[in-house]
Amino acid sequence: MFGAGIILSAPAGKSRIDLNRGGQAVFIAEVAPGGKTAAPPVSPYQGLDHFGLVVADIDATMAEFKGKGAHFTMEPTTIRS
C-alpha cells in the first residue's frame, strides 16, 4: 500500500519487519505485553497505533492511501510546522 520494499523479515518466532519507503527505513514490531507503551488492543486486532509521514501534499497523499483501502481512525493533524 505504501510502495515500500521489504529489507528484512524477522526469523520465525519474532514479530518485526523492516521496510524501505522511498529511502526511509521503517521498522514495524510487535509491542510486548508489560512494555513501556500502552497495552495493545484485544486480539485478533492487527494494525498500528501511530504512523507518521512527511509529505509534500497531505490531501493528495490521504486520497491516494484511501483509494488503496487504508482506513484511518483520525484524520491528519499538524504536530509542528
N, C-alpha and C. Protein backbone atom coordinates (compact mmCIF):
# COMPACT_ATOMS: atom_id res chain seq x y z
N MET A 1 0.83 -1.20 0.00
CA MET A 1 0.00 0.00 0.00
C MET A 1 0.86 1.26 0.00
N PHE A 2 1.96 1.26 0.73
CA PHE A 2 2.78 2.45 0.84
C PHE A 2 3.94 2.44 -0.16
N GLY A 3 4.00 1.43 -1.02
CA GLY A 3 5.07 1.35 -2.00
C GLY A 3 6.41 1.01 -1.37
N ALA A 4 6.40 0.35 -0.24
CA ALA A 4 7.63 0.01 0.47
C ALA A 4 8.14 -1.36 0.02
N GLY A 5 9.45 -1.52 0.06
CA GLY A 5 10.07 -2.82 -0.21
C GLY A 5 10.56 -3.43 1.08
N ILE A 6 10.50 -4.74 1.18
CA ILE A 6 10.95 -5.43 2.39
C ILE A 6 12.47 -5.47 2.40
N ILE A 7 13.06 -4.95 3.49
CA ILE A 7 14.51 -5.01 3.70
C ILE A 7 14.84 -6.32 4.40
N LEU A 8 14.08 -6.60 5.47
CA LEU A 8 14.37 -7.76 6.31
C LEU A 8 13.10 -8.20 7.00
N SER A 9 12.82 -9.49 6.97
CA SER A 9 11.72 -10.07 7.74
C SER A 9 12.35 -10.82 8.90
N ALA A 10 11.71 -10.74 10.06
CA ALA A 10 12.23 -11.40 11.25
C ALA A 10 12.17 -12.92 11.08
N PRO A 11 13.08 -13.63 11.73
CA PRO A 11 13.03 -15.09 11.68
C PRO A 11 11.78 -15.61 12.40
N ALA A 12 11.45 -16.85 12.18
CA ALA A 12 10.27 -17.46 12.81
C ALA A 12 10.29 -17.22 14.31
N GLY A 13 9.13 -16.87 14.86
CA GLY A 13 9.02 -16.64 16.30
C GLY A 13 9.21 -15.18 16.69
N LYS A 14 9.67 -14.34 15.78
CA LYS A 14 9.88 -12.92 16.05
C LYS A 14 8.86 -12.12 15.25
N SER A 15 8.46 -10.97 15.77
CA SER A 15 7.46 -10.14 15.10
C SER A 15 8.04 -8.78 14.75
N ARG A 16 8.76 -8.72 13.65
CA ARG A 16 9.32 -7.45 13.17
C ARG A 16 9.52 -7.55 11.67
N ILE A 17 9.31 -6.45 11.01
CA ILE A 17 9.60 -6.36 9.59
C ILE A 17 10.23 -4.98 9.34
N ASP A 18 11.26 -4.94 8.54
CA ASP A 18 11.95 -3.70 8.19
C ASP A 18 11.62 -3.40 6.73
N LEU A 19 11.19 -2.17 6.48
CA LEU A 19 10.79 -1.75 5.14
C LEU A 19 11.60 -0.56 4.67
N ASN A 20 11.69 -0.39 3.36
CA ASN A 20 12.30 0.79 2.76
C ASN A 20 11.20 1.50 2.00
N ARG A 21 10.92 2.73 2.41
CA ARG A 21 9.88 3.54 1.76
C ARG A 21 10.54 4.80 1.24
N GLY A 22 10.88 4.82 -0.03
CA GLY A 22 11.49 6.00 -0.64
C GLY A 22 12.81 6.40 0.00
N GLY A 23 13.61 5.43 0.41
CA GLY A 23 14.89 5.72 1.05
C GLY A 23 14.80 5.85 2.56
N GLN A 24 13.60 5.81 3.11
CA GLN A 24 13.40 5.91 4.56
C GLN A 24 13.15 4.51 5.12
N ALA A 25 13.94 4.10 6.09
CA ALA A 25 13.73 2.80 6.73
C ALA A 25 12.59 2.90 7.73
N VAL A 26 11.68 1.93 7.66
CA VAL A 26 10.55 1.87 8.57
C VAL A 26 10.59 0.50 9.25
N PHE A 27 10.57 0.51 10.57
CA PHE A 27 10.61 -0.74 11.33
C PHE A 27 9.26 -0.93 12.01
N ILE A 28 8.65 -2.07 11.81
CA ILE A 28 7.37 -2.38 12.44
C ILE A 28 7.58 -3.61 13.30
N ALA A 29 7.27 -3.46 14.59
CA ALA A 29 7.48 -4.57 15.53
C ALA A 29 6.31 -4.67 16.48
N GLU A 30 6.06 -5.88 16.94
CA GLU A 30 5.00 -6.13 17.91
C GLU A 30 5.38 -5.51 19.26
N VAL A 31 4.39 -4.98 19.96
CA VAL A 31 4.61 -4.44 21.30
C VAL A 31 4.43 -5.57 22.30
N ALA A 32 5.45 -5.81 23.09
CA ALA A 32 5.37 -6.88 24.08
C ALA A 32 4.51 -6.48 25.27
N PRO A 33 3.69 -7.40 25.79
CA PRO A 33 2.91 -7.10 26.99
C PRO A 33 3.84 -6.68 28.13
N GLY A 34 3.42 -5.69 28.90
CA GLY A 34 4.23 -5.22 30.01
C GLY A 34 5.33 -4.27 29.60
N GLY A 35 5.36 -3.87 28.33
CA GLY A 35 6.38 -2.94 27.85
C GLY A 35 6.08 -1.53 28.32
N LYS A 36 6.84 -0.57 27.81
CA LYS A 36 6.70 0.82 28.22
C LYS A 36 5.68 1.58 27.39
N THR A 37 4.90 0.90 26.58
CA THR A 37 3.87 1.54 25.78
C THR A 37 2.50 1.12 26.28
N ALA A 38 1.48 1.78 25.77
CA ALA A 38 0.12 1.42 26.16
C ALA A 38 -0.18 -0.01 25.76
N ALA A 39 -1.11 -0.63 26.46
CA ALA A 39 -1.47 -2.01 26.17
C ALA A 39 -2.02 -2.12 24.74
N PRO A 40 -1.69 -3.21 24.05
CA PRO A 40 -2.23 -3.39 22.70
C PRO A 40 -3.72 -3.70 22.76
N PRO A 41 -4.43 -3.45 21.66
CA PRO A 41 -5.85 -3.79 21.63
C PRO A 41 -6.06 -5.29 21.79
N VAL A 42 -7.28 -5.66 22.11
CA VAL A 42 -7.62 -7.06 22.30
C VAL A 42 -7.47 -7.82 20.98
N SER A 43 -6.88 -8.99 21.04
CA SER A 43 -6.70 -9.85 19.88
C SER A 43 -8.05 -10.22 19.28
N PRO A 44 -8.21 -10.34 18.01
CA PRO A 44 -7.22 -10.52 16.95
C PRO A 44 -6.85 -9.24 16.23
N TYR A 45 -6.89 -8.11 16.89
CA TYR A 45 -6.56 -6.82 16.28
C TYR A 45 -5.19 -6.88 15.64
N GLN A 46 -5.09 -6.36 14.42
CA GLN A 46 -3.83 -6.23 13.72
C GLN A 46 -3.75 -4.81 13.20
N GLY A 47 -2.72 -4.10 13.48
CA GLY A 47 -2.61 -2.75 12.95
C GLY A 47 -1.60 -1.93 13.70
N LEU A 48 -1.58 -0.65 13.40
CA LEU A 48 -0.65 0.29 14.01
C LEU A 48 -1.41 1.29 14.86
N ASP A 49 -0.80 1.69 15.95
CA ASP A 49 -1.37 2.74 16.80
C ASP A 49 -1.09 4.11 16.21
N HIS A 50 0.08 4.26 15.62
CA HIS A 50 0.50 5.58 15.11
C HIS A 50 1.48 5.36 13.97
N PHE A 51 1.33 6.17 12.94
CA PHE A 51 2.27 6.10 11.81
C PHE A 51 2.43 7.51 11.28
N GLY A 52 3.62 8.06 11.33
CA GLY A 52 3.84 9.43 10.88
C GLY A 52 4.65 9.47 9.60
N LEU A 53 4.26 10.37 8.70
CA LEU A 53 4.97 10.57 7.43
C LEU A 53 5.11 12.06 7.18
N VAL A 54 6.13 12.45 6.47
CA VAL A 54 6.27 13.83 5.99
C VAL A 54 6.02 13.77 4.48
N VAL A 55 5.04 14.53 4.01
CA VAL A 55 4.68 14.53 2.59
C VAL A 55 4.53 15.95 2.09
N ALA A 56 4.63 16.13 0.77
CA ALA A 56 4.51 17.46 0.18
C ALA A 56 3.06 17.92 0.12
N ASP A 57 2.12 16.99 -0.08
CA ASP A 57 0.71 17.35 -0.23
C ASP A 57 -0.13 16.35 0.56
N ILE A 58 -0.52 16.72 1.77
CA ILE A 58 -1.23 15.79 2.65
C ILE A 58 -2.57 15.37 2.07
N ASP A 59 -3.29 16.28 1.43
CA ASP A 59 -4.59 15.94 0.86
C ASP A 59 -4.46 14.90 -0.25
N ALA A 60 -3.49 15.07 -1.14
CA ALA A 60 -3.28 14.11 -2.22
C ALA A 60 -2.82 12.77 -1.66
N THR A 61 -1.96 12.79 -0.65
CA THR A 61 -1.47 11.56 -0.04
C THR A 61 -2.59 10.80 0.64
N MET A 62 -3.44 11.51 1.39
CA MET A 62 -4.59 10.86 2.04
C MET A 62 -5.52 10.25 1.00
N ALA A 63 -5.79 10.96 -0.07
CA ALA A 63 -6.66 10.45 -1.13
C ALA A 63 -6.06 9.18 -1.75
N GLU A 64 -4.74 9.18 -1.95
CA GLU A 64 -4.07 8.00 -2.52
C GLU A 64 -4.21 6.81 -1.58
N PHE A 65 -3.91 7.00 -0.29
CA PHE A 65 -3.99 5.90 0.68
C PHE A 65 -5.42 5.39 0.80
N LYS A 66 -6.38 6.29 0.89
CA LYS A 66 -7.79 5.87 1.00
C LYS A 66 -8.21 5.13 -0.26
N GLY A 67 -7.72 5.57 -1.41
CA GLY A 67 -8.02 4.89 -2.67
C GLY A 67 -7.47 3.48 -2.71
N LYS A 68 -6.43 3.22 -1.94
CA LYS A 68 -5.84 1.88 -1.86
C LYS A 68 -6.44 1.05 -0.73
N GLY A 69 -7.43 1.63 -0.02
CA GLY A 69 -8.12 0.86 1.01
C GLY A 69 -7.68 1.13 2.44
N ALA A 70 -6.81 2.12 2.66
CA ALA A 70 -6.38 2.43 4.02
C ALA A 70 -7.55 3.00 4.82
N HIS A 71 -7.62 2.63 6.08
CA HIS A 71 -8.64 3.15 7.00
C HIS A 71 -7.94 3.96 8.08
N PHE A 72 -8.47 5.11 8.40
CA PHE A 72 -7.87 5.99 9.40
C PHE A 72 -8.83 6.17 10.57
N THR A 73 -8.32 6.09 11.77
CA THR A 73 -9.16 6.34 12.95
C THR A 73 -9.19 7.82 13.28
N MET A 74 -8.26 8.58 12.70
CA MET A 74 -8.19 10.02 12.93
C MET A 74 -7.61 10.67 11.68
N GLU A 75 -8.18 11.78 11.26
CA GLU A 75 -7.64 12.49 10.11
C GLU A 75 -6.29 13.12 10.48
N PRO A 76 -5.49 13.50 9.50
CA PRO A 76 -4.16 14.06 9.78
C PRO A 76 -4.23 15.31 10.66
N THR A 77 -3.21 15.47 11.47
CA THR A 77 -3.06 16.67 12.30
C THR A 77 -1.63 17.16 12.15
N THR A 78 -1.43 18.45 12.32
CA THR A 78 -0.09 19.01 12.28
C THR A 78 0.40 19.16 13.72
N ILE A 79 1.47 18.44 14.02
CA ILE A 79 2.06 18.49 15.36
C ILE A 79 2.93 19.73 15.49
N ARG A 80 3.78 19.97 14.51
CA ARG A 80 4.62 21.15 14.47
C ARG A 80 4.87 21.51 13.01
N SER A 81 5.18 22.76 12.77
CA SER A 81 5.39 23.18 11.37
C SER A 81 6.70 22.67 10.84
